[in-house]
């Protein structure tokens, strides 16, 4: 029995191993919970063993009084130890429970939850107010669809306060009905950006857009043509009447009212035309355009040729627009200082005169000068080109302004001049004035050099405006048998008296391979189809001369019809002049 009591007494931890609460360190939650769980279990087992011990003590007490007294002393010691152990365990559990309660209070912050709840309530109230405003505006915008019910009659015993409220409500309602729509327009809303879908490339669509562009520019071109005819005195009576009316209006200061009246008159005539009236007034008679064949009747080669023509027109149109913009840019950027200096002086004179002269006198001077310049000075300059090249300052400035492409060409020519001159470099040895157009200040040159030097022609011979860049083609000389002389690739030009073919061969004797045909020596010119197997009318021109046994063929020409019309027209013109001068000689 004593051995069992010793086992019970020293099974748990000793007293000196337990830490006081004041001296115990702060432990983590996991450590506290583990100790709090493990220690009660050990105490329960000890109590069960103590009960067994008490049962044995009762049985031993019956055995004898000596053993009973000894056992009683041992039981008092074990009871004290057990009570101390239970007290320490209870204190530890209390400490751990207080720590957990404090942490739970910190985690559950009631004030923050209340603030969030208030915010959600305010948001809900704002959303309800916006929905009510939207419904009210919709109902007011469509009064016919949803007629308002008549307001209920006011109660009989309403006082003065209720009357004031109804009057203020009605006044606010009237203000909202009258000005609320305009206030709604001042609401800031994000701009809606629509992305346009790009159409795929189509030959049919390209030709249709070019025709639309041509029809859209037709009123502008007609107006400019009428103005040009008016200033060049195409119709003497019309120009004289217009000059007298304009000068009379300028003398009395009615130029601006006159132009406004003409604009109103033009709109009135357009209104009558839209109503079915047939009103056509033009100084220059309109030229009827040729009727184009329907697209369904075109062959594959003709459709391809149509697409190429449209692409060429678009290319030339973009080139003209680029030239205009580049000239304006170079004028203001002092690329040609002698030209920009004239504009600079003119602007200073206009500024000083606008500061010193009264506006009525200044407007009179400008109107009179514009009328004299438009009706008299321009007519003289158009009739006498040499006077225009010397004294027409705006024309001189505009024609001599270079484009960016011309500046690059000039820089390349200056670099080639600085380089040593070779045997075949004709472009480097070409002088500045060679091949220069008197009207536009343009240098007519080919890839080999100046135009008149390449073909050994006089300086007056220049390419026509139709073929400034030439037509790419291949010359088929059927009199030659060698392949190198039979077919030559190059560029075809037409001048006033000659038809010139420049070979694109890179050999040293390429200048000898060029071809110059006098238009008067041509016996026959006609359209030619090189291969009869191909569909369409062909892409070649056949020219017969006395010096060749078989006609020469200029084939593989993209713009065959345009080239044929230009050559045939110039040929008939030269032939008519020759036949007219032959009887006199």
Protein backbone atom coordinates (compact mmCIF):
# COMPACT_ATOMS: atom_id res chain seq x y z
CA UNK A 1 0.00 0.00 0.00
CA UNK A 2 2.82 2.44 0.83
CA UNK A 3 4.40 1.76 -2.54
CA UNK A 4 1.15 2.70 -4.28
CA UNK A 5 0.89 5.95 -2.30
CA UNK A 6 4.45 6.82 -3.29
CA UNK A 7 3.52 6.24 -6.95
CA UNK A 8 0.48 8.54 -6.62
CA UNK A 9 2.45 11.18 -4.74
CA UNK A 10 5.27 11.52 -7.26
CA UNK A 11 3.41 10.79 -10.54
CA UNK A 12 2.69 14.49 -11.37
CA UNK A 13 5.15 17.32 -11.43
CA UNK A 14 6.75 18.46 -8.28
CA UNK A 15 5.90 21.73 -6.60
CA UNK A 16 9.14 23.40 -7.42
CA UNK A 17 8.67 22.65 -11.14
CA UNK A 18 5.50 24.78 -11.43
CA UNK A 19 5.94 28.49 -12.28
CA UNK A 20 4.05 31.23 -10.57
CA UNK A 21 1.61 33.29 -12.63
CA UNK A 22 3.51 36.51 -12.08
CA UNK A 23 6.80 34.94 -13.18
CA UNK A 24 5.40 32.81 -16.03
CA UNK A 25 6.44 34.10 -19.51
CA UNK A 26 3.94 35.03 -22.20
CA UNK A 27 3.39 31.92 -24.25
CA UNK A 28 1.69 31.44 -27.59
CA UNK A 29 -1.89 30.34 -28.01
CA UNK A 30 -0.94 26.88 -29.17
CA UNK A 31 1.33 26.25 -26.24
CA UNK A 32 -1.26 27.44 -23.74
CA UNK A 33 -4.01 25.37 -25.19
CA UNK A 34 -1.85 22.24 -25.18
CA UNK A 35 -0.96 22.61 -21.51
CA UNK A 36 -4.53 23.46 -20.60
CA UNK A 37 -5.72 20.32 -22.28
CA UNK A 38 -3.11 17.91 -21.02
CA UNK A 39 -3.10 18.84 -17.33
CA UNK A 40 -6.81 18.30 -16.60
CA UNK A 41 -6.53 14.78 -18.08
CA UNK A 42 -3.72 13.89 -15.71
CA UNK A 43 -5.71 15.25 -12.75
CA UNK A 44 -8.72 13.09 -13.60
CA UNK A 45 -6.60 9.96 -13.66
CA UNK A 46 -5.09 10.88 -10.33
CA UNK A 47 -8.53 11.33 -8.77
CA UNK A 48 -9.57 7.86 -9.98
CA UNK A 49 -6.46 6.33 -8.52
CA UNK A 50 -7.06 8.24 -5.30
CA UNK A 51 -10.53 6.72 -5.10
CA UNK A 52 -9.04 3.27 -5.49
CA UNK A 53 -6.53 4.12 -2.80
CA UNK A 54 -9.31 5.28 -0.47
CA UNK A 55 -11.10 1.97 -1.01
CA UNK A 56 -7.94 0.10 -0.13
CA UNK A 57 -7.46 2.37 2.90
CA UNK A 58 -10.90 1.46 4.15
CA UNK A 59 -10.07 -2.20 3.76
CA UNK A 60 -6.72 -1.73 5.49
CA UNK A 61 -8.31 0.31 8.31
CA UNK A 62 -10.23 -2.74 9.25
CA UNK A 63 -6.95 -4.64 9.37
CA UNK A 64 -5.31 -2.86 12.28
CA UNK A 65 -4.94 0.38 14.18
CA UNK A 66 -1.17 0.73 13.67
CA UNK A 67 -1.35 0.68 9.96
CA UNK A 68 -4.35 3.03 10.06
CA UNK A 69 -2.42 5.81 11.83
CA UNK A 70 0.48 5.60 9.41
CA UNK A 71 -1.83 5.66 6.44
CA UNK A 72 -3.69 8.67 7.85
CA UNK A 73 -0.52 10.75 7.90
CA UNK A 74 0.32 9.79 4.34
CA UNK A 75 -3.22 10.64 3.17
CA UNK A 76 -3.03 14.17 4.60
CA UNK A 77 0.17 14.83 2.65
CA UNK A 78 -1.23 13.49 -0.62
CA UNK A 79 -4.44 15.54 -0.21
CA UNK A 80 -2.44 18.74 0.22
CA UNK A 81 -0.34 18.00 -2.81
CA UNK A 82 -3.43 17.24 -4.91
CA UNK A 83 -5.19 20.42 -3.80
CA UNK A 84 -2.15 22.47 -4.67
CA UNK A 85 -1.96 20.84 -8.08
CA UNK A 86 -5.63 21.53 -8.77
CA UNK A 87 -5.28 25.17 -7.71
CA UNK A 88 -2.32 25.70 -9.97
CA UNK A 89 -4.14 24.09 -12.91
CA UNK A 90 -7.22 26.27 -12.33
CA UNK A 91 -5.10 29.43 -12.19
CA UNK A 92 -3.37 28.53 -15.45
CA UNK A 93 -6.70 27.83 -17.19
CA UNK A 94 -8.07 31.17 -15.95
CA UNK A 95 -5.01 32.98 -17.29
CA UNK A 96 -5.32 31.32 -20.69
CA UNK A 97 -9.06 32.03 -20.93
CA UNK A 98 -8.48 35.73 -20.17
CA UNK A 99 -5.91 35.95 -22.96
CA UNK A 100 -8.32 34.36 -25.46
CA UNK A 101 -11.14 36.71 -24.41
CA UNK A 102 -8.92 39.76 -24.92
CA UNK A 103 -7.94 38.59 -28.41
CA UNK A 104 -11.54 37.97 -29.38
CA UNK A 105 -12.46 41.49 -28.31
CA UNK A 106 -9.68 42.97 -30.43
CA UNK A 107 -10.69 40.95 -33.49
CA UNK A 108 -14.40 41.81 -33.34
CA UNK A 109 -14.32 45.61 -33.75
CA UNK A 110 -17.93 46.66 -33.44
CA UNK A 111 -17.32 50.32 -34.31
CA UNK A 112 -15.82 49.59 -37.72
CA UNK A 113 -18.73 47.32 -38.56
CA UNK A 114 -21.17 50.05 -37.66
CA UNK A 115 -19.38 52.58 -39.90
CA UNK A 116 -19.43 50.23 -42.87
CA UNK A 117 -23.12 49.61 -42.32
CA UNK A 118 -23.80 53.35 -42.38
CA UNK A 119 -21.85 53.75 -45.60
CA UNK A 120 -23.84 50.99 -47.29
CA UNK A 121 -27.08 52.64 -46.19
CA UNK A 122 -26.04 56.01 -47.65
CA UNK A 123 -25.10 54.35 -50.94
CA UNK A 124 -28.44 52.62 -51.12
CA UNK A 125 -30.22 55.94 -50.56
CA UNK A 126 -28.21 57.61 -53.35
CA UNK A 127 -28.99 54.81 -55.79
CA UNK A 128 -32.69 55.02 -54.99
CA UNK A 129 -32.61 58.79 -55.57
CA UNK A 130 -30.93 58.36 -58.98
CA UNK A 131 -33.44 55.73 -60.05
CA UNK A 132 -36.32 57.99 -59.06
CA UNK A 133 -34.81 60.94 -60.99
CA UNK A 134 -34.36 58.79 -64.10
CA UNK A 135 -37.94 57.54 -63.96
CA UNK A 136 -39.23 61.08 -63.43
CA UNK A 137 -37.26 62.41 -66.44
CA UNK A 138 -38.57 59.60 -68.66
CA UNK A 139 -42.11 60.29 -67.62
CA UNK A 140 -41.69 64.01 -68.34
CA UNK A 141 -40.07 63.38 -71.75
CA UNK A 142 -43.01 61.28 -72.94
CA UNK A 143 -46.16 62.98 -71.60
CA UNK A 144 -48.31 61.75 -74.49
CA UNK A 145 -47.52 58.10 -73.90
CA UNK A 146 -48.02 58.18 -70.17
CA UNK A 147 -50.50 60.94 -69.26
CA UNK A 148 -50.25 62.16 -65.73
CA UNK A 149 -53.14 61.50 -63.41
CA UNK A 150 -54.87 64.61 -62.09
CA UNK A 151 -53.68 65.55 -58.64
CA UNK A 152 -56.05 64.73 -55.80
CA UNK A 153 -58.06 67.65 -54.42
CA UNK A 154 -56.53 69.25 -51.37
CA UNK A 155 -58.24 68.69 -48.04
CA UNK A 156 -60.80 71.21 -46.96
CA UNK A 157 -59.07 72.15 -43.75
CA UNK A 158 -55.59 72.97 -45.23
CA UNK A 159 -53.83 75.90 -43.65
CA UNK A 160 -51.54 78.62 -44.90
CA UNK A 161 -48.43 76.45 -44.49
CA UNK A 162 -49.82 73.83 -46.85
CA UNK A 163 -50.68 76.52 -49.41
CA UNK A 164 -47.12 77.86 -49.24
CA UNK A 165 -45.76 74.36 -49.74
CA UNK A 166 -47.97 73.76 -52.78
CA UNK A 167 -47.02 77.13 -54.29
CA UNK A 168 -43.29 76.48 -53.81
CA UNK A 169 -43.65 72.95 -55.22
CA UNK A 170 -45.51 74.24 -58.27
CA UNK A 171 -42.93 76.97 -58.82
CA UNK A 172 -40.06 74.47 -58.60
CA UNK A 173 -41.90 72.15 -60.93
CA UNK A 174 -42.37 74.97 -63.45
CA UNK A 175 -38.68 75.83 -63.26
CA UNK A 176 -37.75 72.19 -63.78
CA UNK A 177 -40.11 71.83 -66.74
CA UNK A 178 -38.81 75.03 -68.31
CA UNK A 179 -35.06 74.78 -67.70
CA UNK A 180 -34.50 71.18 -66.59
CA UNK A 181 -33.93 69.97 -70.14
CA UNK A 182 -31.13 72.49 -70.65
CA UNK A 183 -29.56 71.62 -67.31
CA UNK A 184 -29.49 67.95 -68.31
CA UNK A 185 -27.42 68.88 -71.39
CA UNK A 186 -24.57 70.14 -69.19
CA UNK A 187 -23.95 66.78 -67.57
CA UNK A 188 -20.41 65.56 -68.23
CA UNK A 189 -20.39 62.19 -69.89
CA UNK A 190 -17.53 60.24 -71.47
CA UNK A 191 -17.32 60.66 -75.21
CA UNK A 192 -18.31 57.63 -77.21
CA UNK A 193 -15.59 56.72 -79.71
CA UNK A 194 -16.67 54.63 -82.66
CA UNK A 195 -13.99 52.70 -84.50
CA UNK A 196 -14.61 52.64 -88.25
CA UNK A 197 -14.11 49.28 -89.89
CA UNK A 198 -11.72 49.39 -92.83
CA UNK A 199 -12.94 47.82 -96.05
CA UNK A 200 -10.76 45.24 -97.81
CA UNK A 201 -9.00 46.23 -101.01
CA UNK A 202 -11.25 45.81 -104.03
CA UNK A 203 -10.82 47.01 -107.60
CA UNK A 204 -14.53 47.67 -107.97
CA UNK A 205 -14.62 49.71 -104.79
CA UNK A 206 -11.52 51.66 -105.81
CA UNK A 207 -12.94 52.67 -109.19
CA UNK A 208 -16.27 53.62 -107.62
CA UNK A 209 -14.57 55.82 -105.02
CA UNK A 210 -12.54 57.58 -107.71
CA UNK A 211 -15.69 58.28 -109.68
CA UNK A 212 -17.38 59.61 -106.55
CA UNK A 213 -14.41 61.87 -105.92
CA UNK A 214 -14.54 63.12 -109.49
CA UNK A 215 -18.27 63.85 -109.23
CA UNK A 216 -17.74 65.63 -105.92
CA UNK A 217 -15.03 67.87 -107.36
CA UNK A 218 -17.05 68.68 -110.47
CA UNK A 219 -18.84 71.76 -109.00
CA UNK A 220 -15.50 73.15 -107.77
CA UNK A 221 -13.81 72.54 -111.11
CA UNK A 222 -16.73 74.12 -112.98
CA UNK A 223 -16.58 77.18 -110.73
CA UNK A 224 -12.82 77.56 -111.23
CA UNK A 225 -13.23 77.12 -114.99
CA UNK A 226 -15.87 79.85 -115.09
CA UNK A 227 -13.64 82.19 -113.09
CA UNK A 228 -10.74 81.51 -115.44
CA UNK A 229 -12.96 82.17 -118.47
CA UNK A 230 -14.23 85.37 -116.84
CA UNK A 231 -10.69 86.70 -116.21
CA UNK A 232 -9.45 85.68 -119.68
CA UNK A 233 -12.43 87.43 -121.37
CA UNK A 234 -13.71 84.25 -123.02
CA UNK A 235 -17.08 85.99 -123.41
CA UNK A 236 -16.40 89.69 -123.92
CA UNK A 237 -19.88 90.89 -123.04
CA UNK A 238 -20.10 88.81 -119.85
CA UNK A 239 -16.64 89.86 -118.64
CA UNK A 240 -17.34 93.54 -119.42
CA UNK A 241 -20.63 93.52 -117.50
CA UNK A 242 -19.02 91.73 -114.56
CA UNK A 243 -16.12 94.23 -114.50
CA UNK A 244 -18.45 97.26 -114.54
CA UNK A 245 -20.70 95.85 -111.80
CA UNK A 246 -17.73 94.91 -109.62
CA UNK A 247 -16.02 98.28 -109.91
CA UNK A 248 -19.30 100.10 -109.18
CA UNK A 249 -19.78 97.99 -106.04
CA UNK A 250 -16.15 98.59 -105.00
CA UNK A 251 -16.55 102.37 -105.47
CA UNK A 252 -19.57 102.46 -103.15
CA UNK A 253 -18.16 99.88 -100.70
CA UNK A 254 -20.64 97.15 -101.57
CA UNK A 255 -18.21 94.35 -102.39
CA UNK A 256 -19.04 92.16 -99.39
CA UNK A 257 -22.85 92.64 -99.78
CA UNK A 258 -22.47 91.83 -103.47
CA UNK A 259 -20.73 88.51 -102.75
CA UNK A 260 -23.33 87.64 -100.10
CA UNK A 261 -26.13 88.43 -102.58
CA UNK A 262 -24.46 86.20 -105.19
CA UNK A 263 -24.27 83.36 -102.66
CA UNK A 264 -27.99 83.78 -101.84
CA UNK A 265 -28.80 83.85 -105.56
CA UNK A 266 -26.81 80.66 -106.13
CA UNK A 267 -28.67 78.88 -103.31
CA UNK A 268 -32.00 80.06 -104.73
CA UNK A 269 -31.10 78.67 -108.16
CA UNK A 270 -30.04 75.38 -106.59
CA UNK A 271 -33.40 75.20 -104.82
CA UNK A 272 -35.25 75.70 -108.10
CA UNK A 273 -33.05 73.07 -109.78
CA UNK A 274 -33.82 70.61 -106.98
CA UNK A 275 -37.54 71.28 -107.56
CA UNK A 276 -37.25 70.22 -111.20
CA UNK A 277 -36.45 73.49 -112.99
CA UNK A 278 -33.94 73.30 -115.84
CA UNK A 279 -31.56 76.18 -115.20
CA UNK A 280 -28.10 75.94 -116.73
CA UNK A 281 -25.82 78.95 -116.88
CA UNK A 282 -22.12 78.69 -117.56
CA UNK A 283 -19.61 80.88 -119.35
CA UNK A 284 -17.71 77.89 -120.70
CA UNK A 285 -19.86 75.21 -122.36
CA UNK A 286 -19.58 71.88 -120.58
CA UNK A 287 -17.87 69.05 -122.42
CA UNK A 288 -19.82 65.80 -122.42
CA UNK A 289 -17.83 62.97 -120.92
CA UNK A 290 -17.51 59.68 -122.81
CA UNK A 291 -19.86 56.96 -121.69
CA UNK A 292 -18.00 54.20 -119.91
CA UNK A 293 -18.86 50.62 -120.77
CA UNK A 294 -20.59 48.54 -118.09
CA UNK A 295 -18.35 46.50 -115.84
CA UNK A 296 -19.96 43.22 -116.82
CA UNK A 297 -18.71 43.55 -120.44
CA UNK A 298 -15.06 44.09 -119.51
CA UNK A 299 -12.52 41.32 -119.90
CA UNK A 300 -9.92 40.39 -117.30
CA UNK A 301 -7.17 42.44 -118.94
CA UNK A 302 -9.47 45.46 -119.35
CA UNK A 303 -10.48 45.27 -115.70
CA UNK A 304 -6.83 45.07 -114.74
CA UNK A 305 -6.10 48.06 -116.96
CA UNK A 306 -9.00 49.97 -115.33
CA UNK A 307 -7.59 49.33 -111.87
CA UNK A 308 -4.16 50.50 -113.02
CA UNK A 309 -5.66 53.69 -114.47
CA UNK A 310 -7.46 54.43 -111.22
CA UNK A 311 -4.29 53.79 -109.24
CA UNK A 312 -2.36 56.13 -111.54
CA UNK A 313 -4.94 58.88 -111.12
CA UNK A 314 -4.87 58.48 -107.36
CA UNK A 315 -1.07 58.56 -107.42
CA UNK A 316 -1.01 61.76 -109.52
CA UNK A 317 -3.66 63.40 -107.34
CA UNK A 318 -1.73 62.63 -104.15
CA UNK A 319 1.43 63.89 -105.85
CA UNK A 320 -0.17 67.24 -106.71
CA UNK A 321 -1.51 67.67 -103.19
CA UNK A 322 1.91 66.80 -101.74
CA UNK A 323 3.58 69.32 -104.07
CA UNK A 324 1.24 72.10 -102.91
CA UNK A 325 1.78 71.34 -99.22
CA UNK A 326 5.55 71.05 -99.62
CA UNK A 327 5.75 74.34 -101.50
CA UNK A 328 3.80 76.14 -98.77
CA UNK A 329 6.04 74.59 -96.13
CA UNK A 330 9.23 75.55 -97.98
CA UNK A 331 7.91 79.10 -98.51
CA UNK A 332 7.52 79.69 -94.78
CA UNK A 333 10.71 77.81 -93.80
CA UNK A 334 13.03 80.06 -95.86
CA UNK A 335 14.20 77.25 -98.14
CA UNK A 336 14.46 79.84 -100.93
CA UNK A 337 15.38 83.07 -99.09
CA UNK A 338 14.98 85.33 -102.13
CA UNK A 339 11.37 84.18 -102.57
CA UNK A 340 10.39 84.24 -98.90
CA UNK A 341 11.92 87.72 -98.60
CA UNK A 342 9.30 89.08 -101.00
CA UNK A 343 6.52 87.61 -98.89
CA UNK A 344 8.15 89.01 -95.76
CA UNK A 345 8.29 92.56 -97.19
CA UNK A 346 4.70 92.32 -98.44
CA UNK A 347 3.45 91.29 -95.00
CA UNK A 348 5.26 94.22 -93.36
CA UNK A 349 3.72 96.66 -95.86
CA UNK A 350 0.26 95.20 -95.26
CA UNK A 351 0.74 95.47 -91.48
CA UNK A 352 1.90 99.11 -91.59
CA UNK A 353 -0.90 100.13 -93.96
CA UNK A 354 -3.50 98.41 -91.74
CA UNK A 355 -2.21 100.40 -88.75
CA UNK A 356 -2.09 103.80 -90.49
CA UNK A 357 -4.96 103.80 -92.98
CA UNK A 358 -8.64 103.67 -91.94
CA UNK A 359 -10.38 100.39 -92.64
CA UNK A 360 -12.86 101.90 -95.07
CA UNK A 361 -10.10 103.32 -97.26
CA UNK A 362 -8.06 100.11 -96.91
CA UNK A 363 -11.00 97.97 -98.00
CA UNK A 364 -11.61 100.27 -100.99
CA UNK A 365 -7.96 99.99 -102.10
CA UNK A 366 -7.95 96.19 -101.74
CA UNK A 367 -11.24 95.81 -103.64
CA UNK A 368 -10.12 98.06 -106.53
CA UNK A 369 -6.73 96.33 -106.79
CA UNK A 370 -8.38 92.86 -106.77
CA UNK A 371 -10.77 93.89 -109.57
CA UNK A 372 -8.01 95.36 -111.75
CA UNK A 373 -5.75 92.37 -111.07
CA UNK A 374 -8.47 89.81 -111.87
CA UNK A 375 -9.94 91.41 -114.99
CA UNK A 376 -7.03 93.30 -116.59
CA UNK A 377 -3.60 92.32 -115.24
CA UNK A 378 -4.22 88.56 -115.38
CA UNK A 379 -5.57 88.86 -118.91
CA UNK A 380 -2.41 90.68 -120.01
CA UNK A 381 -0.15 88.17 -118.26
CA UNK A 382 -1.98 85.20 -119.82
CA UNK A 383 -1.72 86.76 -123.25
CA UNK A 384 1.97 87.66 -122.83
CA UNK A 385 3.88 84.85 -121.03
CA UNK A 386 7.19 86.74 -121.07
CA UNK A 387 5.67 89.65 -119.14
CA UNK A 388 4.24 87.16 -116.68
CA UNK A 389 7.64 85.55 -116.09
CA UNK A 390 9.17 88.97 -115.34
CA UNK A 391 6.52 90.93 -113.42
CA UNK A 392 3.91 88.52 -111.98
CA UNK A 393 5.39 88.19 -108.49
CA UNK A 394 2.91 85.63 -107.02
CA UNK A 395 3.29 83.41 -110.08
CA UNK A 396 7.10 83.66 -109.96
CA UNK A 397 7.17 82.80 -106.26
CA UNK A 398 4.85 79.82 -106.66
CA UNK A 399 6.46 78.32 -109.74
CA UNK A 400 10.02 78.70 -108.47
CA UNK A 401 9.28 77.21 -105.06
CA UNK A 402 10.87 73.74 -104.95
CA UNK A 403 9.29 70.64 -103.51
CA UNK A 404 11.13 68.20 -101.28
CA UNK A 405 11.63 65.84 -104.24
CA UNK A 406 13.22 68.62 -106.30
CA UNK A 407 15.48 69.54 -103.38
CA UNK A 408 16.69 65.94 -103.19
CA UNK A 409 17.35 65.91 -106.94
CA UNK A 410 19.31 69.14 -106.69
CA UNK A 411 21.38 67.83 -103.81
CA UNK A 412 22.14 64.64 -105.74
CA UNK A 413 23.16 66.65 -108.83
CA UNK A 414 25.48 68.85 -106.79
CA UNK A 415 27.09 65.76 -105.27
CA UNK A 416 27.53 64.21 -108.71
CA UNK A 417 29.12 67.44 -109.99
CA UNK A 418 31.65 67.40 -107.19
CA UNK A 419 32.54 63.84 -108.10
CA UNK A 420 34.93 63.25 -111.06
CA UNK A 421 33.10 63.25 -114.39
CA UNK A 422 33.19 59.90 -116.20
CA UNK A 423 32.73 59.03 -119.81
CA UNK A 424 29.05 58.17 -119.75
CA UNK A 425 27.85 60.49 -116.94
CA UNK A 426 25.81 62.96 -118.94
CA UNK A 427 23.71 64.04 -116.00
CA UNK A 428 26.69 65.41 -114.09
CA UNK A 429 27.83 67.50 -117.05
CA UNK A 430 24.36 68.90 -117.78
CA UNK A 431 24.14 72.68 -117.21
CA UNK A 432 21.62 74.30 -114.93
CA UNK A 433 19.41 75.71 -117.68
CA UNK A 434 19.34 72.57 -119.79
CA UNK A 435 15.89 71.19 -120.34
CA UNK A 436 14.26 73.76 -118.08
CA UNK A 437 10.59 74.52 -118.55
CA UNK A 438 10.00 78.27 -118.97
CA UNK A 439 6.54 78.16 -117.38
CA UNK A 440 7.12 76.06 -114.30
CA UNK A 441 10.87 76.13 -113.77
CA UNK A 442 11.00 72.33 -114.09
CA UNK A 443 14.07 70.42 -115.24
CA UNK A 444 13.14 67.86 -117.89
CA UNK A 445 15.66 65.08 -117.57
CA UNK A 446 15.82 61.33 -118.00
CA UNK A 447 17.78 58.73 -116.09
CA UNK A 448 20.77 59.28 -118.41
CA UNK A 449 20.81 63.09 -118.23
CA UNK A 450 19.09 66.10 -119.79
CA UNK A 451 16.35 65.19 -122.26
CA UNK A 452 17.63 67.10 -125.29
CA UNK A 453 21.19 65.79 -124.81
CA UNK A 454 20.19 62.17 -124.45
CA UNK A 455 18.29 62.18 -127.76
CA UNK A 456 20.45 64.84 -129.51
CA UNK A 457 17.48 67.18 -129.99
CA UNK A 458 17.17 70.96 -129.72
CA UNK A 459 16.34 72.44 -126.34
CA UNK A 460 12.82 73.36 -127.46
CA UNK A 461 11.90 69.69 -127.73
CA UNK A 462 10.43 68.59 -124.42
CA UNK A 463 8.01 65.82 -123.42
CA UNK A 464 4.35 66.72 -123.51
CA UNK A 465 2.50 67.18 -120.22
CA UNK A 466 0.75 63.87 -120.79
CA UNK A 467 4.04 61.95 -120.68
CA UNK A 468 6.31 63.95 -118.40
CA UNK A 469 7.54 60.71 -116.80
CA UNK A 470 7.14 58.63 -119.96
CA UNK A 471 5.41 55.30 -120.58
CA UNK A 472 7.21 52.12 -119.66
CA UNK A 473 7.22 49.60 -122.52
CA UNK A 474 9.42 47.28 -124.57
CA UNK A 475 10.46 47.94 -128.16
CA UNK A 476 10.04 44.95 -130.49
CA UNK A 477 12.10 45.55 -133.65
CA UNK A 478 11.19 42.72 -135.96
CA UNK A 479 13.84 43.67 -138.51
CA UNK A 480 16.60 42.54 -136.13
CA UNK A 481 17.31 38.88 -135.50
CA UNK A 482 19.53 38.92 -132.41
CA UNK A 483 17.61 38.68 -129.12
CA UNK A 484 19.42 41.68 -127.62
CA UNK A 485 18.37 43.94 -130.49
CA UNK A 486 15.00 42.31 -131.03
CA UNK A 487 13.50 43.32 -127.64
CA UNK A 488 14.58 46.34 -125.60
CA UNK A 489 13.04 47.57 -122.38
CA UNK A 490 12.75 51.31 -121.84
CA UNK A 491 10.58 54.41 -121.65
CA UNK A 492 8.64 56.07 -124.48
CA UNK A 493 8.25 59.86 -124.77
CA UNK A 494 6.40 62.05 -127.24
CA UNK A 495 7.36 65.67 -127.99
CA UNK A 496 5.95 68.21 -130.40
CA UNK A 497 7.80 66.73 -133.39
CA UNK A 498 9.40 63.47 -132.28
CA UNK A 499 8.70 60.09 -130.71
CA UNK A 500 11.61 59.14 -128.43
CA UNK A 501 12.42 55.77 -126.89
CA UNK A 502 15.09 55.58 -124.17
CA UNK A 503 16.60 52.15 -123.63
CA UNK A 504 17.09 51.07 -120.03
CA UNK A 505 20.12 48.89 -120.83
CA UNK A 506 23.07 49.42 -118.49
CA UNK A 507 25.69 48.89 -121.20
CA UNK A 508 28.13 51.58 -122.22
CA UNK A 509 26.60 51.93 -125.66
CA UNK A 510 23.04 52.32 -124.42
CA UNK A 511 22.79 55.82 -125.95
CA UNK A 512 23.17 54.25 -129.39
CA UNK A 513 20.32 51.90 -128.59
CA UNK A 514 17.87 54.78 -128.09
CA UNK A 515 15.32 55.40 -130.83
CA UNK A 516 14.13 58.77 -132.19
CA UNK A 517 11.29 58.79 -134.73
CA UNK A 518 10.08 61.93 -136.43
CA UNK A 519 6.30 62.19 -136.33
CA UNK A 520 6.11 63.31 -139.98
CA UNK A 521 7.97 60.14 -141.05
CA UNK A 522 5.33 57.85 -139.56
CA UNK A 523 3.30 56.11 -142.25
CA UNK A 524 0.83 54.26 -140.07
CA UNK A 525 0.02 54.08 -136.36
CA UNK A 526 -2.45 51.65 -134.86
CA UNK A 527 -3.17 49.59 -131.77
CA UNK A 528 -1.52 46.21 -131.79
CA UNK A 529 -1.96 42.91 -129.97
CA UNK A 530 1.34 41.11 -129.54
CA UNK A 531 -0.09 37.71 -128.59
CA UNK A 532 -3.46 36.76 -129.98
CA UNK A 533 -3.90 34.12 -127.29
CA UNK A 534 -4.26 36.71 -124.53
CA UNK A 535 -7.76 38.18 -123.87
CA UNK A 536 -8.58 41.83 -124.53
CA UNK A 537 -7.45 44.24 -127.24
CA UNK A 538 -3.75 44.02 -126.40
CA UNK A 539 -1.21 46.36 -124.83
CA UNK A 540 0.90 47.50 -127.79
CA UNK A 541 1.21 50.22 -130.44
CA UNK A 542 2.42 49.48 -133.98
CA UNK A 543 4.28 52.24 -135.88
CA UNK A 544 5.41 51.93 -139.48
CA UNK A 545 8.21 54.12 -140.90
CA UNK A 546 10.04 54.16 -144.25
CA UNK A 547 13.32 53.10 -142.64
CA UNK A 548 11.93 49.78 -141.37
CA UNK A 549 10.67 46.85 -143.38
CA UNK A 550 8.29 45.68 -140.65
CA UNK A 551 6.42 47.99 -138.26
CA UNK A 552 8.00 48.54 -134.86
CA UNK A 553 5.88 47.51 -131.87
CA UNK A 554 5.93 49.18 -128.48
CA UNK A 555 4.42 46.41 -126.34
CA UNK A 556 3.75 45.60 -122.69
CA UNK A 557 2.46 49.15 -122.21
CA UNK A 558 0.20 49.55 -119.17
CA UNK A 559 -1.38 52.80 -120.36
CA UNK A 560 -1.62 51.89 -124.01
CA UNK A 561 -4.86 53.79 -124.77
CA UNK A 562 -3.61 57.01 -123.17
CA UNK A 563 -0.31 56.82 -125.05
CA UNK A 564 -2.03 56.02 -128.35
CA UNK A 565 -4.42 58.98 -128.02
CA UNK A 566 -1.55 61.36 -127.21
CA UNK A 567 0.66 60.17 -130.07
CA UNK A 568 -2.19 60.08 -132.57
CA UNK A 569 -3.42 63.57 -131.59
CA UNK A 570 0.08 65.08 -131.89
CA UNK A 571 0.65 63.24 -135.16
CA UNK A 572 -2.55 64.65 -136.67
CA UNK A 573 -1.66 68.12 -135.37
CA UNK A 574 1.82 68.07 -136.94
CA UNK A 575 0.43 66.57 -140.15
CA UNK A 576 -2.25 69.31 -140.35
CA UNK A 577 0.35 72.04 -139.86
CA UNK A 578 2.60 70.50 -142.49
CA UNK A 579 -0.24 70.24 -145.04
CA UNK A 580 -1.32 73.83 -144.29
CA UNK A 581 2.17 75.26 -144.84
CA UNK A 582 3.08 73.13 -147.88
CA UNK A 583 0.89 75.02 -150.47
CA UNK A 584 2.31 78.35 -149.32
CA UNK A 585 5.88 77.18 -149.83
